[in-house]
């Protein structure tokens, strides 16, 4: 039974971590973000950062990889939101 719960945890973490990747790729290609509010960008970034800090003691957890991927994607989004490519 623990095996099934662990698989569900990994599937959930992977699914949750990739939700912002399409927006990060789009921002990277366009060099800017469109139709994203500054509040949304800040919530994405600081939410990912605080969640990663919270889970650092348990590096083996699927959530560690989830929050790491989320922080990388939200950092890309924030970069192009605040510093658009000319």
PDB file of N, CA and C in Angstrom:
ATOM      1  N   UNK A   1       0.810  -1.193   0.000  1.00  0.00           N
ATOM      2  CA  UNK A   1       0.000   0.000   0.000  1.00  0.00           C
ATOM      3  C   UNK A   1       0.859   1.264   0.000  1.00  0.00           C
ATOM      4  N   UNK A   2       1.961   1.270   0.754  1.00  0.00           N
ATOM      5  CA  UNK A   2       2.859   2.423   0.749  1.00  0.00           C
ATOM      6  C   UNK A   2       3.424   2.673  -0.643  1.00  0.00           C
ATOM      7  N   UNK A   3       3.625   1.610  -1.385  1.00  0.00           N
ATOM      8  CA  UNK A   3       4.135   1.702  -2.752  1.00  0.00           C
ATOM      9  C   UNK A   3       3.198   2.533  -3.622  1.00  0.00           C
ATOM     10  N   UNK A   4       1.895   2.288  -3.511  1.00  0.00           N
ATOM     11  CA  UNK A   4       0.905   3.024  -4.304  1.00  0.00           C
ATOM     12  C   UNK A   4       0.869   4.493  -3.876  1.00  0.00           C
ATOM     13  N   UNK A   5       0.947   4.736  -2.589  1.00  0.00           N
ATOM     14  CA  UNK A   5       0.940   6.114  -2.086  1.00  0.00           C
ATOM     15  C   UNK A   5       2.172   6.861  -2.573  1.00  0.00           C
ATOM     16  N   UNK A   6       3.326   6.204  -2.570  1.00  0.00           N
ATOM     17  CA  UNK A   6       4.547   6.860  -3.051  1.00  0.00           C
ATOM     18  C   UNK A   6       4.458   7.169  -4.548  1.00  0.00           C
ATOM     19  N   UNK A   7       3.922   6.257  -5.331  1.00  0.00           N
ATOM     20  CA  UNK A   7       3.747   6.496  -6.771  1.00  0.00           C
ATOM     21  C   UNK A   7       2.800   7.683  -6.986  1.00  0.00           C
ATOM     22  N   UNK A   8       1.716   7.732  -6.224  1.00  0.00           N
ATOM     23  CA  UNK A   8       0.780   8.863  -6.336  1.00  0.00           C
ATOM     24  C   UNK A   8       1.477  10.173  -5.966  1.00  0.00           C
ATOM     25  N   UNK A   9       2.344  10.132  -4.956  1.00  0.00           N
ATOM     26  CA  UNK A   9       3.091  11.331  -4.569  1.00  0.00           C
ATOM     27  C   UNK A   9       3.992  11.822  -5.685  1.00  0.00           C
ATOM     28  N   UNK A  10       4.700  10.889  -6.331  1.00  0.00           N
ATOM     29  CA  UNK A  10       5.586  11.279  -7.440  1.00  0.00           C
ATOM     30  C   UNK A  10       4.802  11.799  -8.634  1.00  0.00           C
ATOM     31  N   UNK A  11       3.700  11.146  -8.966  1.00  0.00           N
ATOM     32  CA  UNK A  11       2.873  11.608 -10.095  1.00  0.00           C
ATOM     33  C   UNK A  11       2.312  12.997  -9.797  1.00  0.00           C
ATOM     34  N   UNK A  12       1.819  13.192  -8.585  1.00  0.00           N
ATOM     35  CA  UNK A  12       1.291  14.499  -8.202  1.00  0.00           C
ATOM     36  C   UNK A  12       2.364  15.575  -8.221  1.00  0.00           C
ATOM     37  N   UNK A  13       3.550  15.253  -7.706  1.00  0.00           N
ATOM     38  CA  UNK A  13       4.647  16.226  -7.679  1.00  0.00           C
ATOM     39  C   UNK A  13       5.080  16.591  -9.092  1.00  0.00           C
ATOM     40  N   UNK A  14       5.192  15.610  -9.956  1.00  0.00           N
ATOM     41  CA  UNK A  14       5.588  15.888 -11.341  1.00  0.00           C
ATOM     42  C   UNK A  14       4.539  16.723 -12.056  1.00  0.00           C
ATOM     43  N   UNK A  15       3.290  16.359 -11.869  1.00  0.00           N
ATOM     44  CA  UNK A  15       2.212  17.115 -12.518  1.00  0.00           C
ATOM     45  C   UNK A  15       2.169  18.551 -12.018  1.00  0.00           C
ATOM     46  N   UNK A  16       2.296  18.710 -10.722  1.00  0.00           N
ATOM     47  CA  UNK A  16       2.232  20.043 -10.132  1.00  0.00           C
ATOM     48  C   UNK A  16       3.451  20.885 -10.506  1.00  0.00           C
ATOM     49  N   UNK A  17       4.596  20.243 -10.674  1.00  0.00           N
ATOM     50  CA  UNK A  17       5.810  21.006 -10.964  1.00  0.00           C
ATOM     51  C   UNK A  17       5.868  21.484 -12.410  1.00  0.00           C
ATOM     52  N   UNK A  18       5.160  20.840 -13.310  1.00  0.00           N
ATOM     53  CA  UNK A  18       5.258  21.234 -14.716  1.00  0.00           C
ATOM     54  C   UNK A  18       4.190  22.230 -15.140  1.00  0.00           C
ATOM     55  N   UNK A  19       3.286  22.609 -14.229  1.00  0.00           N
ATOM     56  CA  UNK A  19       2.200  23.503 -14.635  1.00  0.00           C
ATOM     57  C   UNK A  19       2.697  24.859 -15.108  1.00  0.00           C
ATOM     58  N   UNK A  20       3.817  25.346 -14.590  1.00  0.00           N
ATOM     59  CA  UNK A  20       4.306  26.675 -14.977  1.00  0.00           C
ATOM     60  C   UNK A  20       5.366  26.612 -16.078  1.00  0.00           C
ATOM     61  N   UNK A  21       5.792  25.434 -16.462  1.00  0.00           N
ATOM     62  CA  UNK A  21       6.838  25.303 -17.483  1.00  0.00           C
ATOM     63  C   UNK A  21       6.375  25.841 -18.842  1.00  0.00           C
ATOM     64  N   UNK A  22       5.148  25.566 -19.316  1.00  0.00           N
ATOM     65  CA  UNK A  22       4.742  26.154 -20.600  1.00  0.00           C
ATOM     66  C   UNK A  22       4.791  27.685 -20.598  1.00  0.00           C
ATOM     67  N   UNK A  23       4.405  28.308 -19.483  1.00  0.00           N
ATOM     68  CA  UNK A  23       4.463  29.767 -19.402  1.00  0.00           C
ATOM     69  C   UNK A  23       5.908  30.247 -19.387  1.00  0.00           C
ATOM     70  N   UNK A  24       6.803  29.518 -18.721  1.00  0.00           N
ATOM     71  CA  UNK A  24       8.221  29.888 -18.695  1.00  0.00           C
ATOM     72  C   UNK A  24       8.836  29.776 -20.083  1.00  0.00           C
ATOM     73  N   UNK A  25       8.502  28.728 -20.818  1.00  0.00           N
ATOM     74  CA  UNK A  25       9.017  28.552 -22.183  1.00  0.00           C
ATOM     75  C   UNK A  25       8.487  29.665 -23.082  1.00  0.00           C
ATOM     76  N   UNK A  26       7.213  29.982 -22.944  1.00  0.00           N
ATOM     77  CA  UNK A  26       6.604  31.059 -23.727  1.00  0.00           C
ATOM     78  C   UNK A  26       7.283  32.399 -23.425  1.00  0.00           C
ATOM     79  N   UNK A  27       7.538  32.679 -22.151  1.00  0.00           N
ATOM     80  CA  UNK A  27       8.214  33.927 -21.766  1.00  0.00           C
ATOM     81  C   UNK A  27       9.626  33.962 -22.333  1.00  0.00           C
ATOM     82  N   UNK A  28      10.305  32.824 -22.324  1.00  0.00           N
ATOM     83  CA  UNK A  28      11.674  32.753 -22.849  1.00  0.00           C
ATOM     84  C   UNK A  28      11.690  33.001 -24.358  1.00  0.00           C
ATOM     85  N   UNK A  29      10.746  32.408 -25.073  1.00  0.00           N
ATOM     86  CA  UNK A  29      10.681  32.599 -26.528  1.00  0.00           C
ATOM     87  C   UNK A  29      10.320  34.036 -26.899  1.00  0.00           C
ATOM     88  N   UNK A  30       9.349  34.615 -26.202  1.00  0.00           N
ATOM     89  CA  UNK A  30       8.909  35.966 -26.518  1.00  0.00           C
ATOM     90  C   UNK A  30       9.821  37.039 -25.925  1.00  0.00           C
ATOM     91  N   UNK A  31      10.532  36.685 -24.866  1.00  0.00           N
ATOM     92  CA  UNK A  31      11.388  37.658 -24.199  1.00  0.00           C
ATOM     93  C   UNK A  31      10.631  38.579 -23.273  1.00  0.00           C
ATOM     94  N   UNK A  32       9.366  38.265 -23.018  1.00  0.00           N
ATOM     95  CA  UNK A  32       8.537  39.059 -22.124  1.00  0.00           C
ATOM     96  C   UNK A  32       7.335  38.212 -21.725  1.00  0.00           C
ATOM     97  N   UNK A  33       6.639  38.682 -20.705  1.00  0.00           N
ATOM     98  CA  UNK A  33       5.397  38.012 -20.326  1.00  0.00           C
ATOM     99  C   UNK A  33       4.230  38.897 -20.727  1.00  0.00           C
ATOM    100  N   UNK A  34       3.192  38.275 -21.178  1.00  0.00           N
ATOM    101  CA  UNK A  34       1.990  39.021 -21.560  1.00  0.00           C
ATOM    102  C   UNK A  34       0.830  38.511 -20.722  1.00  0.00           C
ATOM    103  N   UNK A  35      -0.018  39.429 -20.315  1.00  0.00           N
ATOM    104  CA  UNK A  35      -1.249  39.095 -19.599  1.00  0.00           C
ATOM    105  C   UNK A  35      -1.022  38.421 -18.251  1.00  0.00           C
ATOM    106  N   UNK A  36       0.143  38.629 -17.649  1.00  0.00           N
ATOM    107  CA  UNK A  36       0.379  38.144 -16.296  1.00  0.00           C
ATOM    108  C   UNK A  36       0.520  39.346 -15.375  1.00  0.00           C
ATOM    109  N   UNK A  37      -0.229  39.336 -14.305  1.00  0.00           N
ATOM    110  CA  UNK A  37      -0.121  40.454 -13.371  1.00  0.00           C
ATOM    111  C   UNK A  37       1.146  40.308 -12.542  1.00  0.00           C
ATOM    112  N   UNK A  38       1.635  41.417 -12.051  1.00  0.00           N
ATOM    113  CA  UNK A  38       2.826  41.408 -11.206  1.00  0.00           C
ATOM    114  C   UNK A  38       2.560  40.600  -9.939  1.00  0.00           C
ATOM    115  N   UNK A  39       1.364  40.704  -9.397  1.00  0.00           N
ATOM    116  CA  UNK A  39       1.018  39.923  -8.211  1.00  0.00           C
ATOM    117  C   UNK A  39       1.111  38.428  -8.462  1.00  0.00           C
ATOM    118  N   UNK A  40       0.652  37.978  -9.614  1.00  0.00           N
ATOM    119  CA  UNK A  40       0.723  36.555  -9.961  1.00  0.00           C
ATOM    120  C   UNK A  40       2.169  36.093 -10.070  1.00  0.00           C
ATOM    121  N   UNK A  41       2.996  36.894 -10.712  1.00  0.00           N
ATOM    122  CA  UNK A  41       4.405  36.546 -10.877  1.00  0.00           C
ATOM    123  C   UNK A  41       5.086  36.462  -9.513  1.00  0.00           C
ATOM    124  N   UNK A  42       4.814  37.428  -8.647  1.00  0.00           N
ATOM    125  CA  UNK A  42       5.425  37.421  -7.313  1.00  0.00           C
ATOM    126  C   UNK A  42       4.937  36.244  -6.471  1.00  0.00           C
ATOM    127  N   UNK A  43       3.646  35.931  -6.558  1.00  0.00           N
ATOM    128  CA  UNK A  43       3.123  34.779  -5.825  1.00  0.00           C
ATOM    129  C   UNK A  43       3.745  33.474  -6.310  1.00  0.00           C
ATOM    130  N   UNK A  44       3.901  33.321  -7.615  1.00  0.00           N
ATOM    131  CA  UNK A  44       4.551  32.123  -8.154  1.00  0.00           C
ATOM    132  C   UNK A  44       5.972  31.979  -7.619  1.00  0.00           C
ATOM    133  N   UNK A  45       6.733  33.075  -7.686  1.00  0.00           N
ATOM    134  CA  UNK A  45       8.141  33.016  -7.284  1.00  0.00           C
ATOM    135  C   UNK A  45       8.283  32.789  -5.779  1.00  0.00           C
ATOM    136  N   UNK A  46       7.646  33.614  -4.972  1.00  0.00           N
ATOM    137  CA  UNK A  46       7.818  33.491  -3.523  1.00  0.00           C
ATOM    138  C   UNK A  46       7.143  32.239  -2.959  1.00  0.00           C
ATOM    139  N   UNK A  47       6.076  31.794  -3.588  1.00  0.00           N
ATOM    140  CA  UNK A  47       5.466  30.532  -3.184  1.00  0.00           C
ATOM    141  C   UNK A  47       6.406  29.359  -3.417  1.00  0.00           C
ATOM    142  N   UNK A  48       7.040  29.336  -4.584  1.00  0.00           N
ATOM    143  CA  UNK A  48       8.011  28.280  -4.878  1.00  0.00           C
ATOM    144  C   UNK A  48       9.229  28.348  -3.972  1.00  0.00           C
ATOM    145  N   UNK A  49       9.726  29.548  -3.726  1.00  0.00           N
ATOM    146  CA  UNK A  49      10.900  29.729  -2.868  1.00  0.00           C
ATOM    147  C   UNK A  49      10.623  29.286  -1.432  1.00  0.00           C
ATOM    148  N   UNK A  50       9.527  29.751  -0.861  1.00  0.00           N
ATOM    149  CA  UNK A  50       9.196  29.383   0.520  1.00  0.00           C
ATOM    150  C   UNK A  50       8.908  27.887   0.651  1.00  0.00           C
ATOM    151  N   UNK A  51       8.248  27.312  -0.336  1.00  0.00           N
ATOM    152  CA  UNK A  51       7.961  25.879  -0.306  1.00  0.00           C
ATOM    153  C   UNK A  51       9.243  25.067  -0.393  1.00  0.00           C
ATOM    154  N   UNK A  52      10.187  25.507  -1.213  1.00  0.00           N
ATOM    155  CA  UNK A  52      11.464  24.799  -1.320  1.00  0.00           C
ATOM    156  C   UNK A  52      12.242  24.894  -0.010  1.00  0.00           C
ATOM    157  N   UNK A  53      12.260  26.056   0.611  1.00  0.00           N
ATOM    158  CA  UNK A  53      12.938  26.212   1.907  1.00  0.00           C
ATOM    159  C   UNK A  53      12.305  25.294   2.942  1.00  0.00           C
ATOM    160  N   UNK A  54      10.992  25.184   2.932  1.00  0.00           N
ATOM    161  CA  UNK A  54      10.273  24.333   3.878  1.00  0.00           C
ATOM    162  C   UNK A  54      10.661  22.860   3.726  1.00  0.00           C
ATOM    163  N   UNK A  55      10.824  22.408   2.501  1.00  0.00           N
ATOM    164  CA  UNK A  55      11.041  20.978   2.256  1.00  0.00           C
ATOM    165  C   UNK A  55      12.525  20.602   2.238  1.00  0.00           C
ATOM    166  N   UNK A  56      13.443  21.564   2.322  1.00  0.00           N
ATOM    167  CA  UNK A  56      14.884  21.270   2.261  1.00  0.00           C
ATOM    168  C   UNK A  56      15.344  20.171   3.221  1.00  0.00           C
ATOM    169  N   UNK A  57      14.857  20.098   4.460  1.00  0.00           N
ATOM    170  CA  UNK A  57      15.314  19.015   5.332  1.00  0.00           C
ATOM    171  C   UNK A  57      14.958  17.611   4.827  1.00  0.00           C
ATOM    172  N   UNK A  58      13.975  17.498   3.958  1.00  0.00           N
ATOM    173  CA  UNK A  58      13.534  16.193   3.447  1.00  0.00           C
ATOM    174  C   UNK A  58      13.787  16.111   1.941  1.00  0.00           C
ATOM    175  N   UNK A  59      15.066  16.103   1.564  1.00  0.00           N
ATOM    176  CA  UNK A  59      15.460  16.144   0.148  1.00  0.00           C
ATOM    177  C   UNK A  59      14.959  14.927  -0.627  1.00  0.00           C
ATOM    178  N   UNK A  60      14.708  13.818   0.032  1.00  0.00           N
ATOM    179  CA  UNK A  60      14.252  12.615  -0.660  1.00  0.00           C
ATOM    180  C   UNK A  60      12.776  12.706  -1.068  1.00  0.00           C
ATOM    181  N   UNK A  61      12.075  13.672  -0.563  1.00  0.00           N
ATOM    182  CA  UNK A  61      10.650  13.798  -0.837  1.00  0.00           C
ATOM    183  C   UNK A  61      10.403  14.209  -2.292  1.00  0.00           C
ATOM    184  N   UNK A  62       9.332  13.677  -2.894  1.00  0.00           N
ATOM    185  CA  UNK A  62       8.971  14.129  -4.244  1.00  0.00           C
ATOM    186  C   UNK A  62       8.701  15.627  -4.289  1.00  0.00           C
ATOM    187  N   UNK A  63       8.276  16.191  -3.171  1.00  0.00           N
ATOM    188  CA  UNK A  63       7.995  17.625  -3.131  1.00  0.00           C
ATOM    189  C   UNK A  63       9.247  18.463  -3.348  1.00  0.00           C
ATOM    190  N   UNK A  64      10.412  17.944  -2.970  1.00  0.00           N
ATOM    191  CA  UNK A  64      11.658  18.681  -3.195  1.00  0.00           C
ATOM    192  C   UNK A  64      11.840  18.944  -4.695  1.00  0.00           C
ATOM    193  N   UNK A  65      11.630  17.932  -5.504  1.00  0.00           N
ATOM    194  CA  UNK A  65      11.785  18.079  -6.956  1.00  0.00           C
ATOM    195  C   UNK A  65      10.675  18.952  -7.525  1.00  0.00           C
ATOM    196  N   UNK A  66       9.481  18.826  -6.976  1.00  0.00           N
ATOM    197  CA  UNK A  66       8.356  19.646  -7.386  1.00  0.00           C
ATOM    198  C   UNK A  66       8.675  21.122  -7.172  1.00  0.00           C
ATOM    199  N   UNK A  67       9.078  21.477  -5.973  1.00  0.00           N
ATOM    200  CA  UNK A  67       9.321  22.878  -5.652  1.00  0.00           C
ATOM    201  C   UNK A  67      10.568  23.412  -6.347  1.00  0.00           C
ATOM    202  N   UNK A  68      11.551  22.551  -6.604  1.00  0.00           N
ATOM    203  CA  UNK A  68      12.738  22.985  -7.347  1.00  0.00           C
ATOM    204  C   UNK A  68      12.375  23.350  -8.779  1.00  0.00           C
ATOM    205  N   UNK A  69      11.603  22.496  -9.434  1.00  0.00           N
ATOM    206  CA  UNK A  69      11.175  22.775 -10.813  1.00  0.00           C
ATOM    207  C   UNK A  69      10.271  24.004 -10.859  1.00  0.00           C
ATOM    208  N   UNK A  70       9.387  24.124  -9.888  1.00  0.00           N
ATOM    209  CA  UNK A  70       8.494  25.278  -9.835  1.00  0.00           C
ATOM    210  C   UNK A  70       9.275  26.573  -9.651  1.00  0.00           C
ATOM    211  N   UNK A  71      10.297  26.538  -8.796  1.00  0.00           N
ATOM    212  CA  UNK A  71      11.108  27.739  -8.573  1.00  0.00           C
ATOM    213  C   UNK A  71      11.902  28.114  -9.824  1.00  0.00           C
ATOM    214  N   UNK A  72      12.425  27.125 -10.537  1.00  0.00           N
ATOM    215  CA  UNK A  72      13.166  27.425 -11.772  1.00  0.00           C
ATOM    216  C   UNK A  72      12.240  28.057 -12.821  1.00  0.00           C
ATOM    217  N   UNK A  73      11.046  27.478 -12.979  1.00  0.00           N
ATOM    218  CA  UNK A  73      10.106  28.014 -13.966  1.00  0.00           C
ATOM    219  C   UNK A  73       9.626  29.402 -13.565  1.00  0.00           C
ATOM    220  N   UNK A  74       9.299  29.585 -12.296  1.00  0.00           N
ATOM    221  CA  UNK A  74       8.803  30.896 -11.875  1.00  0.00           C
ATOM    222  C   UNK A  74       9.904  31.950 -11.903  1.00  0.00           C
ATOM    223  N   UNK A  75      11.158  31.540 -11.714  1.00  0.00           N
ATOM    224  CA  UNK A  75      12.277  32.482 -11.843  1.00  0.00           C
ATOM    225  C   UNK A  75      12.403  32.971 -13.285  1.00  0.00           C
ATOM    226  N   UNK A  76      12.219  32.074 -14.230  1.00  0.00           N
ATOM    227  CA  UNK A  76      12.256  32.455 -15.646  1.00  0.00           C
ATOM    228  C   UNK A  76      11.118  33.413 -15.971  1.00  0.00           C
ATOM    229  N   UNK A  77       9.934  33.110 -15.472  1.00  0.00           N
ATOM    230  CA  UNK A  77       8.782  33.981 -15.706  1.00  0.00           C
ATOM    231  C   UNK A  77       9.034  35.356 -15.098  1.00  0.00           C
ATOM    232  N   UNK A  78       9.541  35.394 -13.862  1.00  0.00           N
ATOM    233  CA  UNK A  78       9.807  36.667 -13.184  1.00  0.00           C
ATOM    234  C   UNK A  78      10.874  37.465 -13.914  1.00  0.00           C
ATOM    235  N   UNK A  79      11.896  36.795 -14.405  1.00  0.00           N
ATOM    236  CA  UNK A  79      12.983  37.481 -15.120  1.00  0.00           C
ATOM    237  C   UNK A  79      12.438  38.240 -16.321  1.00  0.00           C
ATOM    238  N   UNK A  80      11.615  37.556 -17.120  1.00  0.00           N
ATOM    239  CA  UNK A  80      11.091  38.195 -18.339  1.00  0.00           C
ATOM    240  C   UNK A  80       9.905  39.133 -18.042  1.00  0.00           C
ATOM    241  N   UNK A  81       9.307  38.997 -16.885  1.00  0.00           N
ATOM    242  CA  UNK A  81       8.244  39.936 -16.515  1.00  0.00           C
ATOM    243  C   UNK A  81       8.846  41.287 -16.098  1.00  0.00           C
ATOM    244  N   UNK A  82       9.866  41.220 -15.263  1.00  0.00           N
ATOM    245  CA  UNK A  82      10.468  42.458 -14.746  1.00  0.00           C
ATOM    246  C   UNK A  82      11.564  43.031 -15.645  1.00  0.00           C
ATOM    247  N   UNK A  83      12.199  42.179 -16.435  1.00  0.00           N
ATOM    248  CA  UNK A  83      13.279  42.612 -17.339  1.00  0.00           C
ATOM    249  C   UNK A  83      13.030  42.051 -18.732  1.00  0.00           C
ATOM    250  N   UNK A  84      12.025  42.568 -19.462  1.00  0.00           N
ATOM    251  CA  UNK A  84      11.716  42.036 -20.792  1.00  0.00           C
ATOM    252  C   UNK A  84      12.869  42.266 -21.765  1.00  0.00           C
ATOM    253  N   UNK A  85      12.998  41.336 -22.683  1.00  0.00           N
ATOM    254  CA  UNK A  85      13.994  41.466 -23.739  1.00  0.00           C
ATOM    255  C   UNK A  85      13.534  42.541 -24.705  1.00  0.00           C
ATOM    256  N   UNK A  86      14.431  43.351 -25.155  1.00  0.00           N
ATOM    257  CA  UNK A  86      14.075  44.448 -26.086  1.00  0.00           C
ATOM    258  C   UNK A  86      14.092  43.962 -27.508  1.00  0.00           C
TER     259      UNK A  86
END
